[in-house]
């Protein structure tokens, strides 16, 4: 049976995007502020990362929403290729 590989950001990529520590990423997951698309390996939903950036930096998100969305989704597609 073929199952599709979920697209998501690795913990490391999420740390880079949000400029925070690994433990903070796991805290955000526990609090429901970041959503997982896969538990093993843990992959973060790109939309939840963009949402977190938007709530933390609303002016940045408003000005560059499409570029931000594109780049985060590109990183999520490459997460398992590395």
N, C-alpha and C. Protein backbone atom coordinates (compact mmCIF):
# COMPACT_ATOMS: atom_id res chain seq x y z
N UNK A 1 0.84 -1.18 0.00
CA UNK A 1 0.00 0.00 0.00
C UNK A 1 0.89 1.24 0.00
N UNK A 2 0.64 2.13 -0.94
CA UNK A 2 1.37 3.39 -0.99
C UNK A 2 0.66 4.44 -0.17
N UNK A 3 1.39 5.03 0.75
CA UNK A 3 0.83 6.14 1.51
C UNK A 3 1.66 7.38 1.21
N UNK A 4 0.99 8.48 1.08
CA UNK A 4 1.68 9.74 0.78
C UNK A 4 2.49 10.21 1.98
N UNK A 5 3.66 10.72 1.70
CA UNK A 5 4.49 11.28 2.76
C UNK A 5 3.94 12.66 3.08
N UNK A 6 3.61 12.92 4.35
CA UNK A 6 3.06 14.24 4.69
C UNK A 6 4.10 15.33 4.50
N UNK A 7 3.64 16.49 4.11
CA UNK A 7 4.51 17.65 3.93
C UNK A 7 4.47 18.48 5.20
N UNK A 8 5.62 18.73 5.76
CA UNK A 8 5.70 19.53 6.96
C UNK A 8 7.12 19.97 7.23
N UNK A 9 7.27 20.86 8.18
CA UNK A 9 8.58 21.37 8.55
C UNK A 9 9.17 20.52 9.67
N UNK A 10 10.44 20.25 9.57
CA UNK A 10 11.11 19.54 10.65
C UNK A 10 11.19 20.46 11.88
N UNK A 11 11.50 19.86 13.00
CA UNK A 11 11.68 20.66 14.23
C UNK A 11 12.78 21.69 14.01
N UNK A 12 13.87 21.26 13.38
CA UNK A 12 14.99 22.17 13.15
C UNK A 12 14.58 23.35 12.27
N UNK A 13 13.88 23.07 11.15
CA UNK A 13 13.44 24.16 10.26
C UNK A 13 12.48 25.10 10.99
N UNK A 14 11.62 24.54 11.82
CA UNK A 14 10.68 25.36 12.58
C UNK A 14 11.44 26.25 13.57
N UNK A 15 12.49 25.70 14.17
CA UNK A 15 13.33 26.49 15.07
C UNK A 15 13.93 27.68 14.32
N UNK A 16 14.38 27.45 13.10
CA UNK A 16 14.96 28.54 12.30
C UNK A 16 13.92 29.59 11.95
N UNK A 17 12.74 29.14 11.51
CA UNK A 17 11.70 30.09 11.12
C UNK A 17 11.21 30.93 12.28
N UNK A 18 11.09 30.32 13.45
CA UNK A 18 10.57 31.06 14.61
C UNK A 18 11.67 31.62 15.50
N UNK A 19 12.92 31.31 15.17
CA UNK A 19 14.07 31.81 15.93
C UNK A 19 13.92 31.49 17.42
N UNK A 20 13.74 30.21 17.70
CA UNK A 20 13.56 29.79 19.09
C UNK A 20 14.18 28.42 19.30
N UNK A 21 14.14 27.96 20.52
CA UNK A 21 14.77 26.69 20.88
C UNK A 21 13.87 25.49 20.59
N UNK A 22 14.48 24.33 20.59
CA UNK A 22 13.76 23.08 20.39
C UNK A 22 12.69 22.88 21.46
N UNK A 23 13.05 23.16 22.70
CA UNK A 23 12.10 22.97 23.80
C UNK A 23 10.89 23.90 23.65
N UNK A 24 11.11 25.11 23.14
CA UNK A 24 10.00 26.03 22.93
C UNK A 24 9.07 25.52 21.82
N UNK A 25 9.64 24.91 20.77
CA UNK A 25 8.82 24.33 19.71
C UNK A 25 7.92 23.25 20.28
N UNK A 26 8.49 22.36 21.11
CA UNK A 26 7.68 21.31 21.72
C UNK A 26 6.62 21.88 22.66
N UNK A 27 6.95 22.96 23.32
CA UNK A 27 5.97 23.62 24.18
C UNK A 27 4.80 24.16 23.35
N UNK A 28 5.12 24.80 22.21
CA UNK A 28 4.07 25.31 21.34
C UNK A 28 3.19 24.18 20.80
N UNK A 29 3.79 23.03 20.54
CA UNK A 29 3.02 21.87 20.08
C UNK A 29 2.08 21.41 21.20
N UNK A 30 2.60 21.28 22.41
CA UNK A 30 1.77 20.85 23.55
C UNK A 30 0.62 21.80 23.80
N UNK A 31 0.87 23.11 23.64
CA UNK A 31 -0.16 24.12 23.89
C UNK A 31 -1.13 24.26 22.72
N UNK A 32 -0.89 23.54 21.63
CA UNK A 32 -1.79 23.60 20.47
C UNK A 32 -1.56 24.81 19.58
N UNK A 33 -0.44 25.50 19.75
CA UNK A 33 -0.16 26.68 18.93
C UNK A 33 0.55 26.31 17.63
N UNK A 34 1.11 25.10 17.58
CA UNK A 34 1.66 24.54 16.35
C UNK A 34 1.04 23.16 16.17
N UNK A 35 0.68 22.84 14.93
CA UNK A 35 0.04 21.56 14.65
C UNK A 35 1.01 20.61 13.96
N UNK A 36 0.94 19.35 14.32
CA UNK A 36 1.75 18.32 13.68
C UNK A 36 1.00 17.72 12.50
N UNK A 37 1.70 17.45 11.42
CA UNK A 37 1.12 16.68 10.32
C UNK A 37 1.56 15.23 10.41
N UNK A 38 2.61 14.98 11.19
CA UNK A 38 3.14 13.63 11.38
C UNK A 38 3.85 13.59 12.74
N UNK A 39 3.66 12.49 13.47
CA UNK A 39 4.31 12.38 14.78
C UNK A 39 5.69 11.75 14.69
N UNK A 40 5.89 10.81 13.75
CA UNK A 40 7.18 10.15 13.62
C UNK A 40 7.60 10.15 12.18
N UNK A 41 8.54 10.92 11.77
CA UNK A 41 9.23 11.97 12.52
C UNK A 41 8.29 13.16 12.71
N UNK A 42 8.53 13.94 13.75
CA UNK A 42 7.64 15.09 13.97
C UNK A 42 7.79 16.13 12.86
N UNK A 43 6.68 16.39 12.19
CA UNK A 43 6.65 17.40 11.13
C UNK A 43 5.54 18.40 11.46
N UNK A 44 5.88 19.67 11.39
CA UNK A 44 4.97 20.74 11.76
C UNK A 44 4.22 21.22 10.52
N UNK A 45 2.94 21.48 10.68
CA UNK A 45 2.11 22.02 9.60
C UNK A 45 2.61 23.42 9.25
N UNK A 46 2.97 23.66 7.98
CA UNK A 46 3.47 24.98 7.58
C UNK A 46 2.49 26.11 7.87
N UNK A 47 1.20 25.84 7.74
CA UNK A 47 0.20 26.88 8.01
C UNK A 47 0.24 27.35 9.45
N UNK A 48 0.51 26.42 10.38
CA UNK A 48 0.56 26.83 11.78
C UNK A 48 1.81 27.66 12.06
N UNK A 49 2.91 27.39 11.34
CA UNK A 49 4.13 28.21 11.50
C UNK A 49 3.87 29.61 10.97
N UNK A 50 3.22 29.71 9.81
CA UNK A 50 2.89 31.02 9.25
C UNK A 50 1.94 31.76 10.19
N UNK A 51 0.99 31.05 10.76
CA UNK A 51 0.07 31.67 11.72
C UNK A 51 0.79 32.18 12.95
N UNK A 52 1.76 31.41 13.44
CA UNK A 52 2.54 31.84 14.61
C UNK A 52 3.36 33.08 14.28
N UNK A 53 3.97 33.10 13.10
CA UNK A 53 4.72 34.29 12.68
C UNK A 53 3.78 35.49 12.60
N UNK A 54 2.58 35.27 12.06
CA UNK A 54 1.60 36.35 11.93
C UNK A 54 1.14 36.90 13.26
N UNK A 55 0.98 36.04 14.27
CA UNK A 55 0.56 36.54 15.59
C UNK A 55 1.70 37.22 16.32
N UNK A 56 2.92 36.77 16.07
CA UNK A 56 4.08 37.36 16.74
C UNK A 56 4.52 38.66 16.06
N UNK A 57 4.49 38.65 14.73
CA UNK A 57 4.93 39.80 13.94
C UNK A 57 3.86 40.17 12.92
N UNK A 58 2.75 40.78 13.34
CA UNK A 58 1.64 41.03 12.41
C UNK A 58 2.00 41.92 11.22
N UNK A 59 2.88 42.87 11.41
CA UNK A 59 3.23 43.76 10.30
C UNK A 59 4.07 43.03 9.25
N UNK A 60 4.96 42.17 9.70
CA UNK A 60 5.77 41.39 8.77
C UNK A 60 4.88 40.47 7.96
N UNK A 61 3.97 39.80 8.63
CA UNK A 61 3.08 38.86 7.96
C UNK A 61 2.17 39.58 6.96
N UNK A 62 1.69 40.75 7.32
CA UNK A 62 0.79 41.49 6.44
C UNK A 62 1.49 41.96 5.17
N UNK A 63 2.72 42.38 5.30
CA UNK A 63 3.46 42.92 4.16
C UNK A 63 3.95 41.82 3.23
N UNK A 64 4.37 40.71 3.78
CA UNK A 64 5.01 39.68 2.95
C UNK A 64 4.33 38.33 3.04
N UNK A 65 3.02 38.30 3.13
CA UNK A 65 2.27 37.04 3.30
C UNK A 65 2.56 36.03 2.19
N UNK A 66 2.50 36.44 0.94
CA UNK A 66 2.68 35.47 -0.15
C UNK A 66 4.10 34.93 -0.22
N UNK A 67 5.09 35.79 -0.02
CA UNK A 67 6.48 35.33 -0.03
C UNK A 67 6.75 34.41 1.15
N UNK A 68 6.25 34.78 2.30
CA UNK A 68 6.41 33.96 3.50
C UNK A 68 5.75 32.60 3.31
N UNK A 69 4.54 32.59 2.79
CA UNK A 69 3.82 31.35 2.55
C UNK A 69 4.59 30.46 1.57
N UNK A 70 5.08 31.04 0.50
CA UNK A 70 5.82 30.28 -0.51
C UNK A 70 7.08 29.65 0.09
N UNK A 71 7.87 30.43 0.81
CA UNK A 71 9.14 29.93 1.32
C UNK A 71 8.95 28.87 2.40
N UNK A 72 7.99 29.06 3.29
CA UNK A 72 7.74 28.06 4.33
C UNK A 72 7.29 26.76 3.70
N UNK A 73 6.43 26.84 2.70
CA UNK A 73 5.96 25.61 2.03
C UNK A 73 7.09 24.93 1.24
N UNK A 74 8.00 25.70 0.68
CA UNK A 74 9.15 25.10 0.01
C UNK A 74 10.01 24.33 1.01
N UNK A 75 10.24 24.92 2.17
CA UNK A 75 11.01 24.22 3.20
C UNK A 75 10.30 22.96 3.66
N UNK A 76 8.98 22.97 3.73
CA UNK A 76 8.24 21.80 4.18
C UNK A 76 8.33 20.68 3.16
N UNK A 77 8.42 20.98 1.88
CA UNK A 77 8.54 19.95 0.87
C UNK A 77 9.91 19.32 0.89
N UNK A 78 10.90 20.05 1.33
CA UNK A 78 12.27 19.55 1.36
C UNK A 78 12.65 18.92 2.68
N UNK A 79 11.75 18.88 3.64
CA UNK A 79 12.08 18.43 4.99
C UNK A 79 12.60 17.01 5.02
N UNK A 80 12.02 16.11 4.26
CA UNK A 80 12.43 14.70 4.30
C UNK A 80 13.49 14.35 3.28
N UNK A 81 13.84 15.28 2.41
CA UNK A 81 14.84 15.00 1.39
C UNK A 81 16.25 15.14 1.91
N UNK A 82 16.43 15.82 3.02
CA UNK A 82 17.78 16.05 3.55
C UNK A 82 18.29 14.85 4.28
